[in-house]
Amino acid sequence: NFNSPNLEDDVKGKISFDGDGRSHSSLNISALSLADSGVYFCAANTVTNTQPAYFGPGTKLTVL
């Protein structure tokens, strides 16, 4: 939700977030490898989780 990021277990320690989740957020990925290539999406929803998530346009990352 807007107030607390929820990371999947397999990316904890590798991905971190900064920002307030309402107007600006950034994604940081450490120790990149070829397997990290892909399209990354940001999604947020309300605290109650009763509304659909809002997705950003996505950012393509290519690790060479």
N, C-alpha and C. Protein backbone atom coordinates (compact mmCIF):
# COMPACT_ATOMS: atom_id res chain seq x y z
N ASN A 1 0.83 -1.19 0.00
CA ASN A 1 0.00 0.00 0.00
C ASN A 1 0.88 1.25 0.00
N PHE A 2 0.26 2.42 0.01
CA PHE A 2 1.02 3.66 -0.06
C PHE A 2 2.01 3.82 1.10
N ASN A 3 1.68 3.27 2.25
CA ASN A 3 2.46 3.54 3.45
C ASN A 3 3.56 2.53 3.75
N SER A 4 3.50 1.34 3.20
CA SER A 4 4.53 0.35 3.50
C SER A 4 4.76 -0.57 2.31
N PRO A 5 5.98 -0.57 1.77
CA PRO A 5 6.28 -1.43 0.63
C PRO A 5 6.20 -2.91 1.03
N ASN A 6 5.83 -3.74 0.10
CA ASN A 6 5.73 -5.17 0.35
C ASN A 6 6.60 -5.89 -0.67
N LEU A 7 7.75 -6.35 -0.23
CA LEU A 7 8.69 -7.03 -1.13
C LEU A 7 8.47 -8.53 -1.11
N GLU A 8 8.58 -9.15 -2.26
CA GLU A 8 8.54 -10.61 -2.33
C GLU A 8 9.80 -11.15 -1.66
N ASP A 9 9.70 -12.33 -1.07
CA ASP A 9 10.83 -12.90 -0.32
C ASP A 9 12.09 -13.05 -1.16
N ASP A 10 11.95 -13.40 -2.44
CA ASP A 10 13.13 -13.65 -3.27
C ASP A 10 13.90 -12.39 -3.66
N VAL A 11 13.38 -11.20 -3.38
CA VAL A 11 14.12 -9.97 -3.69
C VAL A 11 14.48 -9.15 -2.45
N LYS A 12 14.12 -9.63 -1.28
CA LYS A 12 14.48 -8.91 -0.06
C LYS A 12 16.00 -8.86 0.07
N GLY A 13 16.54 -7.68 0.38
CA GLY A 13 17.97 -7.48 0.46
C GLY A 13 18.60 -7.08 -0.86
N LYS A 14 17.88 -7.26 -1.96
CA LYS A 14 18.39 -6.88 -3.29
C LYS A 14 17.69 -5.63 -3.80
N ILE A 15 16.41 -5.47 -3.48
CA ILE A 15 15.62 -4.34 -3.94
C ILE A 15 15.20 -3.50 -2.73
N SER A 16 15.31 -2.18 -2.89
CA SER A 16 14.84 -1.28 -1.84
C SER A 16 14.10 -0.12 -2.49
N PHE A 17 13.27 0.55 -1.69
CA PHE A 17 12.46 1.67 -2.16
C PHE A 17 12.77 2.91 -1.35
N ASP A 18 12.55 4.07 -1.97
CA ASP A 18 12.67 5.34 -1.29
C ASP A 18 11.51 6.22 -1.76
N GLY A 19 11.01 7.08 -0.90
CA GLY A 19 9.91 7.97 -1.27
C GLY A 19 8.69 7.71 -0.41
N ASP A 20 7.66 8.48 -0.64
CA ASP A 20 6.47 8.37 0.20
C ASP A 20 5.38 7.49 -0.40
N GLY A 21 5.54 7.04 -1.61
CA GLY A 21 4.56 6.16 -2.22
C GLY A 21 3.33 6.86 -2.77
N ARG A 22 3.17 8.15 -2.52
CA ARG A 22 2.01 8.88 -3.03
C ARG A 22 2.38 9.77 -4.20
N SER A 23 3.48 10.48 -4.09
CA SER A 23 3.83 11.43 -5.15
C SER A 23 5.16 11.10 -5.82
N HIS A 24 6.05 10.42 -5.12
CA HIS A 24 7.35 10.10 -5.70
C HIS A 24 7.95 8.90 -4.98
N SER A 25 8.43 7.97 -5.74
CA SER A 25 9.12 6.81 -5.19
C SER A 25 10.23 6.41 -6.15
N SER A 26 11.26 5.79 -5.62
CA SER A 26 12.31 5.27 -6.48
C SER A 26 12.64 3.84 -6.06
N LEU A 27 13.08 3.07 -7.03
CA LEU A 27 13.42 1.67 -6.85
C LEU A 27 14.92 1.55 -7.01
N ASN A 28 15.56 0.87 -6.09
CA ASN A 28 17.00 0.63 -6.16
C ASN A 28 17.25 -0.87 -6.16
N ILE A 29 18.08 -1.32 -7.11
CA ILE A 29 18.43 -2.74 -7.21
C ILE A 29 19.94 -2.84 -7.05
N SER A 30 20.38 -3.68 -6.13
CA SER A 30 21.82 -3.82 -5.89
C SER A 30 22.34 -5.12 -6.51
N ALA A 31 23.64 -5.16 -6.75
CA ALA A 31 24.33 -6.35 -7.26
C ALA A 31 23.62 -6.92 -8.49
N LEU A 32 23.50 -6.10 -9.54
CA LEU A 32 22.80 -6.53 -10.75
C LEU A 32 23.48 -7.72 -11.42
N SER A 33 22.65 -8.59 -11.97
CA SER A 33 23.13 -9.71 -12.78
C SER A 33 22.25 -9.79 -14.03
N LEU A 34 22.64 -10.63 -14.98
CA LEU A 34 21.86 -10.77 -16.21
C LEU A 34 20.42 -11.17 -15.90
N ALA A 35 20.20 -11.93 -14.86
CA ALA A 35 18.86 -12.39 -14.51
C ALA A 35 17.95 -11.25 -14.04
N ASP A 36 18.53 -10.09 -13.74
CA ASP A 36 17.73 -8.94 -13.29
C ASP A 36 17.13 -8.17 -14.45
N SER A 37 17.52 -8.48 -15.68
CA SER A 37 16.93 -7.81 -16.85
C SER A 37 15.43 -8.09 -16.89
N GLY A 38 14.67 -7.08 -17.25
CA GLY A 38 13.22 -7.26 -17.34
C GLY A 38 12.52 -5.93 -17.26
N VAL A 39 11.20 -5.95 -17.15
CA VAL A 39 10.40 -4.75 -17.00
C VAL A 39 9.92 -4.71 -15.55
N TYR A 40 10.20 -3.60 -14.88
CA TYR A 40 9.83 -3.43 -13.48
C TYR A 40 8.65 -2.47 -13.39
N PHE A 41 7.65 -2.87 -12.61
CA PHE A 41 6.44 -2.07 -12.43
C PHE A 41 6.28 -1.67 -10.98
N CYS A 42 5.77 -0.49 -10.78
CA CYS A 42 5.39 -0.02 -9.46
C CYS A 42 3.88 -0.11 -9.36
N ALA A 43 3.39 -0.65 -8.26
CA ALA A 43 1.94 -0.72 -8.05
C ALA A 43 1.65 -0.28 -6.62
N ALA A 44 0.55 0.42 -6.45
CA ALA A 44 0.14 0.88 -5.12
C ALA A 44 -1.37 0.78 -5.00
N ASN A 45 -1.82 0.55 -3.77
CA ASN A 45 -3.25 0.57 -3.52
C ASN A 45 -3.50 1.20 -2.16
N THR A 46 -4.74 1.27 -1.78
CA THR A 46 -5.10 1.90 -0.52
C THR A 46 -4.77 0.98 0.65
N VAL A 47 -4.79 1.52 1.83
CA VAL A 47 -4.49 0.74 3.03
C VAL A 47 -5.46 -0.42 3.20
N THR A 48 -6.70 -0.22 2.82
CA THR A 48 -7.71 -1.26 3.02
C THR A 48 -7.67 -2.35 1.97
N ASN A 49 -6.93 -2.13 0.88
CA ASN A 49 -6.80 -3.10 -0.21
C ASN A 49 -8.14 -3.46 -0.84
N THR A 50 -9.12 -2.56 -0.75
CA THR A 50 -10.43 -2.84 -1.34
C THR A 50 -10.54 -2.32 -2.77
N GLN A 51 -9.62 -1.49 -3.19
CA GLN A 51 -9.63 -0.94 -4.54
C GLN A 51 -8.53 -1.62 -5.37
N PRO A 52 -8.67 -1.60 -6.70
CA PRO A 52 -7.61 -2.17 -7.55
C PRO A 52 -6.29 -1.42 -7.37
N ALA A 53 -5.20 -2.10 -7.60
CA ALA A 53 -3.88 -1.47 -7.52
C ALA A 53 -3.70 -0.52 -8.69
N TYR A 54 -2.94 0.53 -8.47
CA TYR A 54 -2.57 1.48 -9.51
C TYR A 54 -1.16 1.14 -9.97
N PHE A 55 -0.99 0.86 -11.27
CA PHE A 55 0.31 0.49 -11.80
C PHE A 55 0.94 1.64 -12.55
N GLY A 56 2.25 1.80 -12.40
CA GLY A 56 3.00 2.74 -13.20
C GLY A 56 3.23 2.15 -14.58
N PRO A 57 3.88 2.92 -15.49
CA PRO A 57 4.05 2.48 -16.87
C PRO A 57 5.12 1.40 -17.04
N GLY A 58 5.94 1.19 -16.05
CA GLY A 58 7.01 0.19 -16.15
C GLY A 58 8.30 0.80 -16.66
N THR A 59 9.39 0.20 -16.25
CA THR A 59 10.71 0.62 -16.68
C THR A 59 11.48 -0.61 -17.11
N LYS A 60 12.00 -0.58 -18.32
CA LYS A 60 12.76 -1.72 -18.85
C LYS A 60 14.22 -1.60 -18.40
N LEU A 61 14.74 -2.68 -17.83
CA LEU A 61 16.13 -2.74 -17.41
C LEU A 61 16.81 -3.85 -18.20
N THR A 62 17.91 -3.48 -18.87
CA THR A 62 18.71 -4.46 -19.59
C THR A 62 20.10 -4.48 -18.99
N VAL A 63 20.51 -5.61 -18.47
CA VAL A 63 21.84 -5.77 -17.89
C VAL A 63 22.70 -6.48 -18.94
N LEU A 64 23.80 -5.83 -19.30
CA LEU A 64 24.67 -6.41 -20.33
C LEU A 64 25.87 -7.10 -19.72
